[in-house]
C-alpha atoms as a PDB file:
ATOM      1  CA  MET A   1     -66.188  41.375 -20.854  1.00  0.00           C
ATOM      2  CA  ASN A   2     -63.156  40.851 -23.030  1.00  0.00           C
ATOM      3  CA  LEU A   3     -62.388  38.123 -25.853  1.00  0.00           C
ATOM      4  CA  PHE A   4     -61.447  35.389 -23.360  1.00  0.00           C
ATOM      5  CA  ASP A   5     -64.118  35.623 -20.891  1.00  0.00           C
ATOM      6  CA  ILE A   6     -66.543  34.950 -24.154  1.00  0.00           C
ATOM      7  CA  PHE A   7     -64.475  32.160 -25.292  1.00  0.00           C
ATOM      8  CA  LEU A   8     -64.903  30.786 -21.631  1.00  0.00           C
ATOM      9  CA  LYS A   9     -68.990  31.333 -21.555  1.00  0.00           C
ATOM     10  CA  GLY A  10     -69.354  28.795 -24.742  1.00  0.00           C
ATOM     11  CA  GLY A  11     -68.136  25.770 -22.952  1.00  0.00           C
ATOM     12  CA  PHE A  12     -66.450  22.414 -23.545  1.00  0.00           C
ATOM     13  CA  ILE A  13     -67.157  22.375 -27.164  1.00  0.00           C
ATOM     14  CA  MET A  14     -64.955  25.677 -27.786  1.00  0.00           C
ATOM     15  CA  TRP A  15     -62.143  24.183 -26.850  1.00  0.00           C
ATOM     16  CA  LEU A  16     -62.614  21.176 -29.147  1.00  0.00           C
ATOM     17  CA  ILE A  17     -63.541  23.902 -31.812  1.00  0.00           C
ATOM     18  CA  LEU A  18     -60.019  25.439 -31.127  1.00  0.00           C
ATOM     19  CA  LEU A  19     -58.056  22.444 -31.188  1.00  0.00           C
ATOM     20  CA  CYS A  20     -59.634  21.787 -34.526  1.00  0.00           C
ATOM     21  CA  SER A  21     -58.393  25.291 -35.696  1.00  0.00           C
ATOM     22  CA  VAL A  22     -54.936  24.808 -34.161  1.00  0.00           C
ATOM     23  CA  ILE A  23     -54.662  21.718 -36.561  1.00  0.00           C
ATOM     24  CA  GLY A  24     -56.169  23.007 -39.318  1.00  0.00           C
ATOM     25  CA  LEU A  25     -53.817  26.195 -39.496  1.00  0.00           C
ATOM     26  CA  ALA A  26     -50.995  23.644 -38.806  1.00  0.00           C
ATOM     27  CA  VAL A  27     -51.803  21.298 -42.172  1.00  0.00           C
ATOM     28  CA  ILE A  28     -52.622  24.923 -44.227  1.00  0.00           C
ATOM     29  CA  ILE A  29     -49.100  26.254 -43.545  1.00  0.00           C
ATOM     30  CA  GLU A  30     -47.182  23.236 -44.409  1.00  0.00           C
ATOM     31  CA  ARG A  31     -49.326  22.336 -47.611  1.00  0.00           C
ATOM     32  CA  PHE A  32     -48.853  25.637 -49.106  1.00  0.00           C
ATOM     33  CA  LEU A  33     -45.245  25.220 -48.170  1.00  0.00           C
ATOM     34  CA  VAL A  34     -44.932  22.045 -50.301  1.00  0.00           C
ATOM     35  CA  ILE A  35     -47.613  23.294 -53.075  1.00  0.00           C
ATOM     36  CA  ARG A  36     -45.320  26.267 -53.559  1.00  0.00           C
ATOM     37  CA  LYS A  37     -42.188  24.497 -53.494  1.00  0.00           C
ATOM     38  CA  ALA A  38     -43.680  22.100 -55.875  1.00  0.00           C
ATOM     39  CA  LYS A  39     -44.575  24.688 -59.015  1.00  0.00           C
ATOM     40  CA  ILE A  40     -41.757  25.048 -61.347  1.00  0.00           C
ATOM     41  CA  ASN A  41     -41.848  26.711 -65.085  1.00  0.00           C
ATOM     42  CA  VAL A  42     -42.801  23.169 -67.008  1.00  0.00           C
ATOM     43  CA  PRO A  43     -42.108  25.354 -70.452  1.00  0.00           C
ATOM     44  CA  ALA A  44     -38.558  25.947 -69.710  1.00  0.00           C
ATOM     45  CA  PHE A  45     -38.071  22.496 -67.885  1.00  0.00           C
ATOM     46  CA  MET A  46     -39.440  20.631 -70.979  1.00  0.00           C
ATOM     47  CA  VAL A  47     -37.022  22.960 -73.242  1.00  0.00           C
ATOM     48  CA  LYS A  48     -33.940  21.661 -71.173  1.00  0.00           C
ATOM     49  CA  MET A  49     -35.354  18.093 -71.318  1.00  0.00           C
ATOM     50  CA  ARG A  50     -35.844  17.884 -75.274  1.00  0.00           C
ATOM     51  CA  SER A  51     -32.022  19.270 -75.414  1.00  0.00           C
ATOM     52  CA  LEU A  52     -30.591  17.071 -73.121  1.00  0.00           C
ATOM     53  CA  ILE A  53     -32.639  13.505 -74.240  1.00  0.00           C
ATOM     54  CA  LYS A  54     -31.888  14.052 -77.325  1.00  0.00           C
ATOM     55  CA  ASN A  55     -28.690  14.222 -77.016  1.00  0.00           C
ATOM     56  CA  LYS A  56     -28.512  11.403 -74.645  1.00  0.00           C
ATOM     57  CA  ASP A  57     -27.376  12.866 -72.141  1.00  0.00           C
ATOM     58  CA  ILE A  58     -28.882  11.373 -69.398  1.00  0.00           C
ATOM     59  CA  GLU A  59     -26.758  12.218 -66.969  1.00  0.00           C
ATOM     60  CA  GLY A  60     -27.345  15.601 -67.758  1.00  0.00           C
ATOM     61  CA  ALA A  61     -30.879  15.464 -67.456  1.00  0.00           C
ATOM     62  CA  MET A  62     -31.182  13.920 -64.115  1.00  0.00           C
ATOM     63  CA  SER A  63     -29.042  16.593 -62.635  1.00  0.00           C
ATOM     64  CA  VAL A  64     -31.453  18.898 -64.042  1.00  0.00           C
ATOM     65  CA  CYS A  65     -34.241  17.530 -62.306  1.00  0.00           C
ATOM     66  CA  MET A  66     -32.181  16.772 -59.045  1.00  0.00           C
ATOM     67  CA  ALA A  67     -31.814  20.816 -59.210  1.00  0.00           C
ATOM     68  CA  GLU A  68     -35.212  21.440 -59.525  1.00  0.00           C
ATOM     69  CA  LYS A  69     -36.247  19.326 -56.388  1.00  0.00           C
ATOM     70  CA  SER A  70     -40.396  19.252 -57.393  1.00  0.00           C
ATOM     71  CA  PRO A  71     -42.604  16.672 -58.121  1.00  0.00           C
ATOM     72  CA  VAL A  72     -42.419  16.788 -61.701  1.00  0.00           C
ATOM     73  CA  ALA A  73     -38.548  16.748 -61.848  1.00  0.00           C
ATOM     74  CA  ASN A  74     -38.782  13.511 -59.726  1.00  0.00           C
ATOM     75  CA  ILE A  75     -41.096  11.333 -61.770  1.00  0.00           C
ATOM     76  CA  ILE A  76     -38.927  12.183 -64.674  1.00  0.00           C
ATOM     77  CA  ARG A  77     -35.769  11.403 -62.771  1.00  0.00           C
ATOM     78  CA  LYS A  78     -36.704   8.241 -61.503  1.00  0.00           C
ATOM     79  CA  GLY A  79     -38.383   7.444 -65.281  1.00  0.00           C
ATOM     80  CA  LEU A  80     -34.895   7.828 -66.567  1.00  0.00           C
ATOM     81  CA  LYS A  81     -32.861   6.221 -64.322  1.00  0.00           C
ATOM     82  CA  LYS A  82     -34.609   3.362 -66.867  1.00  0.00           C
ATOM     83  CA  TYR A  83     -33.502   4.964 -69.761  1.00  0.00           C
ATOM     84  CA  LYS A  84     -31.276   1.986 -70.828  1.00  0.00           C
ATOM     85  CA  LEU A  85     -33.807  -0.397 -70.159  1.00  0.00           C
ATOM     86  CA  GLY A  86     -36.369   1.002 -73.188  1.00  0.00           C
ATOM     87  CA  HIS A  87     -39.032   3.484 -72.973  1.00  0.00           C
ATOM     88  CA  GLU A  88     -41.468   1.158 -71.873  1.00  0.00           C
ATOM     89  CA  ARG A  89     -39.587   0.673 -68.702  1.00  0.00           C
ATOM     90  CA  VAL A  90     -39.140   4.397 -68.152  1.00  0.00           C
ATOM     91  CA  LYS A  91     -42.741   5.021 -68.740  1.00  0.00           C
ATOM     92  CA  GLU A  92     -43.709   2.080 -66.064  1.00  0.00           C
ATOM     93  CA  ALA A  93     -40.997   4.255 -63.610  1.00  0.00           C
ATOM     94  CA  ILE A  94     -42.938   7.586 -64.456  1.00  0.00           C
ATOM     95  CA  GLU A  95     -46.262   6.174 -63.803  1.00  0.00           C
ATOM     96  CA  ASN A  96     -44.808   4.328 -60.216  1.00  0.00           C
ATOM     97  CA  ALA A  97     -43.294   8.064 -59.506  1.00  0.00           C
ATOM     98  CA  GLY A  98     -46.188   9.870 -60.254  1.00  0.00           C
ATOM     99  CA  SER A  99     -48.849   8.132 -58.096  1.00  0.00           C
ATOM    100  CA  GLN A 100     -46.035   8.278 -55.536  1.00  0.00           C
ATOM    101  CA  GLU A 101     -46.125  12.038 -55.942  1.00  0.00           C
ATOM    102  CA  ILE A 102     -49.622  12.758 -55.637  1.00  0.00           C
ATOM    103  CA  VAL A 103     -50.214  10.726 -52.332  1.00  0.00           C
ATOM    104  CA  LYS A 104     -47.185  12.825 -50.969  1.00  0.00           C
ATOM    105  CA  LEU A 105     -49.297  16.449 -52.326  1.00  0.00           C
ATOM    106  CA  GLU A 106     -52.656  14.976 -51.027  1.00  0.00           C
ATOM    107  CA  LYS A 107     -51.140  14.447 -47.436  1.00  0.00           C
ATOM    108  CA  GLY A 108     -53.082  16.608 -45.235  1.00  0.00           C
ATOM    109  CA  LEU A 109     -55.935  17.685 -47.125  1.00  0.00           C
ATOM    110  CA  PRO A 110     -58.456  14.828 -46.011  1.00  0.00           C
ATOM    111  CA  ILE A 111     -57.442  16.544 -42.181  1.00  0.00           C
ATOM    112  CA  LEU A 112     -58.209  19.909 -43.678  1.00  0.00           C
ATOM    113  CA  ALA A 113     -61.788  18.542 -45.311  1.00  0.00           C
ATOM    114  CA  SER A 114     -62.852  16.581 -42.052  1.00  0.00           C
ATOM    115  CA  ILE A 115     -61.746  20.108 -40.421  1.00  0.00           C
ATOM    116  CA  ALA A 116     -63.894  22.103 -42.541  1.00  0.00           C
ATOM    117  CA  GLY A 117     -67.057  19.566 -41.628  1.00  0.00           C
ATOM    118  CA  VAL A 118     -66.541  18.694 -38.061  1.00  0.00           C
ATOM    119  CA  ALA A 119     -65.918  22.008 -36.716  1.00  0.00           C
ATOM    120  CA  PRO A 120     -69.486  23.824 -38.209  1.00  0.00           C
ATOM    121  CA  MET A 121     -70.903  20.591 -36.575  1.00  0.00           C
ATOM    122  CA  LEU A 122     -69.252  21.064 -33.068  1.00  0.00           C
ATOM    123  CA  GLY A 123     -70.428  24.380 -33.302  1.00  0.00           C
ATOM    124  CA  PHE A 124     -74.295  23.663 -33.827  1.00  0.00           C
ATOM    125  CA  LEU A 125     -73.783  20.482 -30.926  1.00  0.00           C
ATOM    126  CA  GLY A 126     -72.672  23.036 -28.496  1.00  0.00           C
ATOM    127  CA  THR A 127     -76.121  25.199 -29.513  1.00  0.00           C
ATOM    128  CA  VAL A 128     -78.031  22.193 -28.792  1.00  0.00           C
ATOM    129  CA  THR A 129     -76.476  21.364 -25.536  1.00  0.00           C
ATOM    130  CA  GLY A 130     -76.483  25.281 -24.649  1.00  0.00           C
ATOM    131  CA  MET A 131     -80.583  25.486 -25.188  1.00  0.00           C
ATOM    132  CA  ILE A 132     -80.861  21.886 -23.404  1.00  0.00           C
ATOM    133  CA  SER A 133     -79.408  23.654 -20.506  1.00  0.00           C
ATOM    134  CA  ALA A 134     -81.387  27.122 -21.281  1.00  0.00           C
ATOM    135  CA  PHE A 135     -85.088  24.687 -20.927  1.00  0.00           C
ATOM    136  CA  MET A 136     -83.660  22.933 -17.902  1.00  0.00           C
ATOM    137  CA  THR A 137     -82.907  26.395 -15.822  1.00  0.00           C
ATOM    138  CA  ILE A 138     -86.478  27.163 -17.280  1.00  0.00           C
ATOM    139  CA  GLU A 139     -87.625  23.798 -15.547  1.00  0.00           C
ATOM    140  CA  ASP A 140     -85.996  24.501 -12.631  1.00  0.00           C
ATOM    141  CA  LEU A 141     -87.489  27.709 -12.001  1.00  0.00           C
ATOM    142  CA  ALA A 142     -91.127  26.208 -12.938  1.00  0.00           C
ATOM    143  CA  GLY A 143     -91.338  28.451 -15.837  1.00  0.00           C
ATOM    144  CA  SER A 144     -90.981  31.658 -13.732  1.00  0.00           C
ATOM    145  CA  VAL A 145     -88.544  33.058 -16.119  1.00  0.00           C
ATOM    146  CA  ASN A 146     -87.485  36.722 -17.589  1.00  0.00           C
ATOM    147  CA  PRO A 147     -86.321  37.195 -20.917  1.00  0.00           C
ATOM    148  CA  SER A 148     -82.695  38.290 -19.827  1.00  0.00           C
ATOM    149  CA  ASP A 149     -82.483  34.843 -18.451  1.00  0.00           C
ATOM    150  CA  LEU A 150     -83.179  33.204 -21.263  1.00  0.00           C
ATOM    151  CA  ALA A 151     -81.285  35.816 -23.688  1.00  0.00           C
ATOM    152  CA  GLY A 152     -78.072  35.137 -21.834  1.00  0.00           C
ATOM    153  CA  GLY A 153     -78.314  31.469 -22.189  1.00  0.00           C
ATOM    154  CA  ILE A 154     -79.443  31.762 -25.575  1.00  0.00           C
ATOM    155  CA  TRP A 155     -75.868  33.657 -27.024  1.00  0.00           C
ATOM    156  CA  GLU A 156     -73.711  31.867 -24.765  1.00  0.00           C
ATOM    157  CA  ALA A 157     -75.008  28.853 -26.644  1.00  0.00           C
ATOM    158  CA  LEU A 158     -74.975  30.628 -29.936  1.00  0.00           C
ATOM    159  CA  LEU A 159     -70.929  31.065 -29.563  1.00  0.00           C
ATOM    160  CA  THR A 160     -69.955  28.059 -30.431  1.00  0.00           C
ATOM    161  CA  THR A 161     -72.011  28.355 -33.725  1.00  0.00           C
ATOM    162  CA  ALA A 162     -70.602  31.071 -34.922  1.00  0.00           C
ATOM    163  CA  PHE A 163     -66.847  30.231 -33.708  1.00  0.00           C
ATOM    164  CA  GLY A 164     -67.524  26.501 -35.558  1.00  0.00           C
ATOM    165  CA  LEU A 165     -68.411  28.715 -38.799  1.00  0.00           C
ATOM    166  CA  ILE A 166     -65.653  30.866 -38.299  1.00  0.00           C
ATOM    167  CA  VAL A 167     -63.263  28.048 -38.491  1.00  0.00           C
ATOM    168  CA  GLY A 168     -65.188  25.874 -40.705  1.00  0.00           C
ATOM    169  CA  ILE A 169     -65.615  28.633 -43.433  1.00  0.00           C
ATOM    170  CA  PRO A 170     -61.711  29.079 -44.527  1.00  0.00           C
ATOM    171  CA  ALA A 171     -60.852  25.623 -43.751  1.00  0.00           C
ATOM    172  CA  LEU A 172     -63.422  24.649 -46.579  1.00  0.00           C
ATOM    173  CA  ALA A 173     -62.198  27.664 -49.010  1.00  0.00           C
ATOM    174  CA  ILE A 174     -58.747  26.665 -48.226  1.00  0.00           C
ATOM    175  CA  TYR A 175     -59.180  23.078 -48.984  1.00  0.00           C
ATOM    176  CA  ASN A 176     -60.913  23.609 -52.573  1.00  0.00           C
ATOM    177  CA  TYR A 177     -57.958  26.205 -53.498  1.00  0.00           C
ATOM    178  CA  PHE A 178     -55.144  23.344 -52.232  1.00  0.00           C
ATOM    179  CA  LEU A 179     -57.124  20.682 -54.877  1.00  0.00           C
ATOM    180  CA  ASN A 180     -57.213  22.836 -57.470  1.00  0.00           C
ATOM    181  CA  SER A 181     -53.465  23.657 -57.234  1.00  0.00           C
ATOM    182  CA  VAL A 182     -52.454  19.431 -56.812  1.00  0.00           C
ATOM    183  CA  LYS A 183     -54.771  18.672 -59.501  1.00  0.00           C
ATOM    184  CA  ALA A 184     -52.917  21.522 -61.539  1.00  0.00           C
ATOM    185  CA  LEU A 185     -49.706  20.134 -60.642  1.00  0.00           C
ATOM    186  CA  VAL A 186     -50.822  16.623 -61.524  1.00  0.00           C
ATOM    187  CA  THR A 187     -51.920  18.003 -64.798  1.00  0.00           C
ATOM    188  CA  ASP A 188     -48.489  19.223 -65.490  1.00  0.00           C
ATOM    189  CA  MET A 189     -46.988  16.062 -64.270  1.00  0.00           C
ATOM    190  CA  GLU A 190     -48.808  14.150 -66.859  1.00  0.00           C
ATOM    191  CA  THR A 191     -48.149  16.427 -69.827  1.00  0.00           C
ATOM    192  CA  VAL A 192     -44.273  16.490 -68.865  1.00  0.00           C
ATOM    193  CA  ALA A 193     -44.339  12.836 -68.498  1.00  0.00           C
ATOM    194  CA  ASN A 194     -46.155  11.651 -72.201  1.00  0.00           C
ATOM    195  CA  ASP A 195     -43.906  14.335 -73.430  1.00  0.00           C
ATOM    196  CA  VAL A 196     -40.209  12.620 -71.908  1.00  0.00           C
ATOM    197  CA  VAL A 197     -41.292   9.195 -73.017  1.00  0.00           C
ATOM    198  CA  ASP A 198     -42.565  10.555 -76.650  1.00  0.00           C
ATOM    199  CA  ILE A 199     -38.972  11.870 -76.705  1.00  0.00           C
ATOM    200  CA  ILE A 200     -37.046   9.040 -75.235  1.00  0.00           C
ATOM    201  CA  GLN A 201     -39.256   6.871 -77.955  1.00  0.00           C
ATOM    202  CA  ASP A 202     -38.348   9.020 -80.983  1.00  0.00           C
ATOM    203  CA  THR A 203     -34.944   8.949 -79.770  1.00  0.00           C
ATOM    204  CA  SER A 204     -34.368   5.562 -79.350  1.00  0.00           C
ATOM    205  CA  ALA A 205     -36.050   4.857 -82.924  1.00  0.00           C
ATOM    206  CA  GLY A 206     -33.827   7.604 -84.281  1.00  0.00           C
ATOM    207  CA  ARG A 207     -36.518   9.859 -85.283  1.00  0.00           C
ATOM    208  CA  PRO A 208     -36.032  13.506 -85.339  1.00  0.00           C
ATOM    209  CA  VAL A 209     -37.535  15.320 -82.480  1.00  0.00           C
ATOM    210  CA  SER A 210     -39.314  18.716 -83.479  1.00  0.00           C
ATOM    211  CA  GLU A 211     -40.775  21.588 -81.261  1.00  0.00           C
ATOM    212  CA  ASP A 212     -44.634  20.617 -82.292  1.00  0.00           C
ATOM    213  CA  ASP A 213     -44.372  17.300 -80.874  1.00  0.00           C
ATOM    214  CA  PHE A 214     -44.703  18.876 -77.351  1.00  0.00           C
ATOM    215  CA  ASP A 215     -48.288  19.707 -75.568  1.00  0.00           C
ATOM    216  CA  VAL A 216     -46.568  22.319 -73.135  1.00  0.00           C
ATOM    217  CA  GLU A 217     -47.644  25.872 -74.094  1.00  0.00           C
ATOM    218  CA  MET A 218     -44.045  28.636 -74.389  1.00  0.00           C
END
């Protein structure tokens, strides 16, 4: 008996779990590429921003943000567009852009979390329906069954539970990994945003900008 034959013995529920695994894999690949692209060297980025904003080279700062193509750079670029309107408008623009970027980073994660919970439940459902079928067989045979009759039906029923756990456990682990990655990116966004607003405020007020003003560790 090959793997496909074993799969078929699990019944219709196995196909639903397989669908969950395909959707989950698609989400994992897409999110992995997005999160990897979103990561940047924050200290190096802030060094460039500090120098350009201090010299009031806003166009240059926006060009650096365009080149980075990351959520952190995107929120700073949108904030710098409001530079001439004052640091309060810059801060407001950065906050609005930050909310949009967080939504983009979290896209697909609820689906992955649902798959992590639904796949094992589908497996248990398949086992329960399989056990019901096995007891119906006992009833049909008026109790005249041997252990081999029951064993075959039971192991076929347990296939769905095993397959559901095989799909659900990795999905849950990867979901938690992505969630922590998004939290780290959000922390970088908040740190950079606060520092840029402070730099703009100090520069507008004519105060010198020192290295000690930054929270980002080099």
